[in-house]
C-alpha atoms as a PDB file:
ATOM      1  CA  UNK A   1     -13.572  -6.991  -6.738  1.00  0.00           C
ATOM      2  CA  UNK A   2     -11.662  -6.156  -3.552  1.00  0.00           C
ATOM      3  CA  UNK A   3      -7.984  -5.279  -3.442  1.00  0.00           C
ATOM      4  CA  UNK A   4      -5.951  -5.305  -0.264  1.00  0.00           C
ATOM      5  CA  UNK A   5      -2.865  -3.128   0.099  1.00  0.00           C
ATOM      6  CA  UNK A   6       0.058  -2.935   2.484  1.00  0.00           C
ATOM      7  CA  UNK A   7       3.787  -2.224   2.529  1.00  0.00           C
ATOM      8  CA  UNK A   8       6.665  -4.069   4.139  1.00  0.00           C
ATOM      9  CA  UNK A   9      10.165  -2.703   4.802  1.00  0.00           C
ATOM     10  CA  UNK A  10      12.768  -5.477   4.594  1.00  0.00           C
ATOM     11  CA  UNK A  11      16.191  -6.343   3.169  1.00  0.00           C
ATOM     12  CA  UNK A  12      14.531  -7.599  -0.025  1.00  0.00           C
ATOM     13  CA  UNK A  13      17.730  -7.629  -2.099  1.00  0.00           C
ATOM     14  CA  UNK A  14      19.913  -9.502   0.378  1.00  0.00           C
ATOM     15  CA  UNK A  15      21.396  -9.065   3.815  1.00  0.00           C
ATOM     16  CA  UNK A  16      23.515  -5.933   4.106  1.00  0.00           C
ATOM     17  CA  UNK A  17      22.269  -4.469   0.802  1.00  0.00           C
ATOM     18  CA  UNK A  18      19.901  -2.004   2.436  1.00  0.00           C
ATOM     19  CA  UNK A  19      16.234  -1.879   3.226  1.00  0.00           C
ATOM     20  CA  UNK A  20      13.420  -1.149   0.790  1.00  0.00           C
ATOM     21  CA  UNK A  21       9.673  -0.877   1.250  1.00  0.00           C
ATOM     22  CA  UNK A  22       7.589  -3.101  -1.007  1.00  0.00           C
ATOM     23  CA  UNK A  23       4.128  -1.621  -1.606  1.00  0.00           C
ATOM     24  CA  UNK A  24       1.651  -4.141  -3.016  1.00  0.00           C
ATOM     25  CA  UNK A  25      -1.990  -4.519  -4.036  1.00  0.00           C
ATOM     26  CA  UNK A  26      -3.470  -8.016  -3.957  1.00  0.00           C
ATOM     27  CA  UNK A  27      -6.682  -9.251  -5.579  1.00  0.00           C
ATOM     28  CA  UNK A  28      -8.507 -10.660  -2.561  1.00  0.00           C
ATOM     29  CA  UNK A  29     -10.460 -13.327  -4.469  1.00  0.00           C
ATOM     30  CA  UNK A  30      -7.517 -14.759  -6.407  1.00  0.00           C
ATOM     31  CA  UNK A  31      -4.660 -13.998  -4.018  1.00  0.00           C
ATOM     32  CA  UNK A  32      -2.772 -12.508  -6.980  1.00  0.00           C
ATOM     33  CA  UNK A  33      -0.453  -9.507  -6.745  1.00  0.00           C
ATOM     34  CA  UNK A  34      -1.873  -6.960  -9.198  1.00  0.00           C
ATOM     35  CA  UNK A  35       0.563  -4.126  -8.551  1.00  0.00           C
ATOM     36  CA  UNK A  36       3.817  -3.694  -6.641  1.00  0.00           C
ATOM     37  CA  UNK A  37       6.460  -0.990  -6.198  1.00  0.00           C
ATOM     38  CA  UNK A  38       9.717  -0.662  -4.259  1.00  0.00           C
ATOM     39  CA  UNK A  39      10.817   2.573  -2.619  1.00  0.00           C
ATOM     40  CA  UNK A  40      13.206   3.546   0.152  1.00  0.00           C
ATOM     41  CA  UNK A  41      10.412   4.026   2.720  1.00  0.00           C
ATOM     42  CA  UNK A  42       6.687   3.381   2.992  1.00  0.00           C
ATOM     43  CA  UNK A  43       5.104   6.375   1.296  1.00  0.00           C
ATOM     44  CA  UNK A  44       2.088   7.722  -0.521  1.00  0.00           C
ATOM     45  CA  UNK A  45       4.202   7.785  -3.689  1.00  0.00           C
ATOM     46  CA  UNK A  46       4.877   4.040  -3.381  1.00  0.00           C
ATOM     47  CA  UNK A  47       1.199   3.211  -2.887  1.00  0.00           C
ATOM     48  CA  UNK A  48       0.146   5.405  -5.824  1.00  0.00           C
ATOM     49  CA  UNK A  49       2.788   3.849  -8.105  1.00  0.00           C
ATOM     50  CA  UNK A  50       1.680   0.300  -7.191  1.00  0.00           C
ATOM     51  CA  UNK A  51      -1.982   1.276  -7.597  1.00  0.00           C
ATOM     52  CA  UNK A  52      -1.288   2.757 -11.046  1.00  0.00           C
ATOM     53  CA  UNK A  53       0.276  -0.515 -12.198  1.00  0.00           C
ATOM     54  CA  UNK A  54      -2.744  -2.467 -10.959  1.00  0.00           C
ATOM     55  CA  UNK A  55      -5.211  -0.077 -12.584  1.00  0.00           C
ATOM     56  CA  UNK A  56      -3.418  -0.236 -15.922  1.00  0.00           C
ATOM     57  CA  UNK A  57      -3.205  -4.043 -15.959  1.00  0.00           C
ATOM     58  CA  UNK A  58      -6.432  -5.115 -14.230  1.00  0.00           C
ATOM     59  CA  UNK A  59      -8.781  -2.133 -14.166  1.00  0.00           C
ATOM     60  CA  UNK A  60     -10.595  -0.316 -11.386  1.00  0.00           C
ATOM     61  CA  UNK A  61     -11.467  -2.340  -8.245  1.00  0.00           C
ATOM     62  CA  UNK A  62     -14.802  -1.942  -6.508  1.00  0.00           C
ATOM     63  CA  UNK A  63     -13.093  -1.464  -3.138  1.00  0.00           C
ATOM     64  CA  UNK A  64      -9.617  -1.134  -1.614  1.00  0.00           C
ATOM     65  CA  UNK A  65      -8.831  -2.303   1.917  1.00  0.00           C
ATOM     66  CA  UNK A  66      -5.809  -0.970   3.801  1.00  0.00           C
ATOM     67  CA  UNK A  67      -4.571  -0.933   7.362  1.00  0.00           C
ATOM     68  CA  UNK A  68      -5.118   2.129   9.530  1.00  0.00           C
ATOM     69  CA  UNK A  69      -1.741   3.671   8.670  1.00  0.00           C
ATOM     70  CA  UNK A  70      -1.747   7.463   8.869  1.00  0.00           C
ATOM     71  CA  UNK A  71      -0.926   7.595   5.153  1.00  0.00           C
ATOM     72  CA  UNK A  72      -4.582   6.644   4.640  1.00  0.00           C
ATOM     73  CA  UNK A  73      -6.316   8.528   7.455  1.00  0.00           C
ATOM     74  CA  UNK A  74      -5.786  11.451   9.766  1.00  0.00           C
ATOM     75  CA  UNK A  75      -4.073  10.589  13.068  1.00  0.00           C
ATOM     76  CA  UNK A  76      -6.809  12.690  14.686  1.00  0.00           C
ATOM     77  CA  UNK A  77      -9.627  10.634  13.179  1.00  0.00           C
ATOM     78  CA  UNK A  78     -10.374   8.882  16.465  1.00  0.00           C
ATOM     79  CA  UNK A  79     -10.463  12.174  18.374  1.00  0.00           C
ATOM     80  CA  UNK A  80     -13.893  13.297  19.581  1.00  0.00           C
ATOM     81  CA  UNK A  81     -12.956  16.938  19.019  1.00  0.00           C
ATOM     82  CA  UNK A  82     -12.239  18.789  15.808  1.00  0.00           C
ATOM     83  CA  UNK A  83      -9.454  20.739  17.500  1.00  0.00           C
ATOM     84  CA  UNK A  84      -7.250  20.089  20.494  1.00  0.00           C
END
């Protein structure tokens, strides 16, 4: 089973009530949200909290797909050199 994850910062609670980042994990086959978490900004903490909810309710996925956000990889990953 594949789970996709991403976060979106938006005025989720109404215009003028502030922005929040919604972190979510979605079961790719069913299109079902299996874990979600709000925080002030997109963060590792938000992704881990949403993942924990999904693990507790639906178990361990075989694979997780995310975008190439630097929360998930080093910004130097594409560099051909180990040091600059």
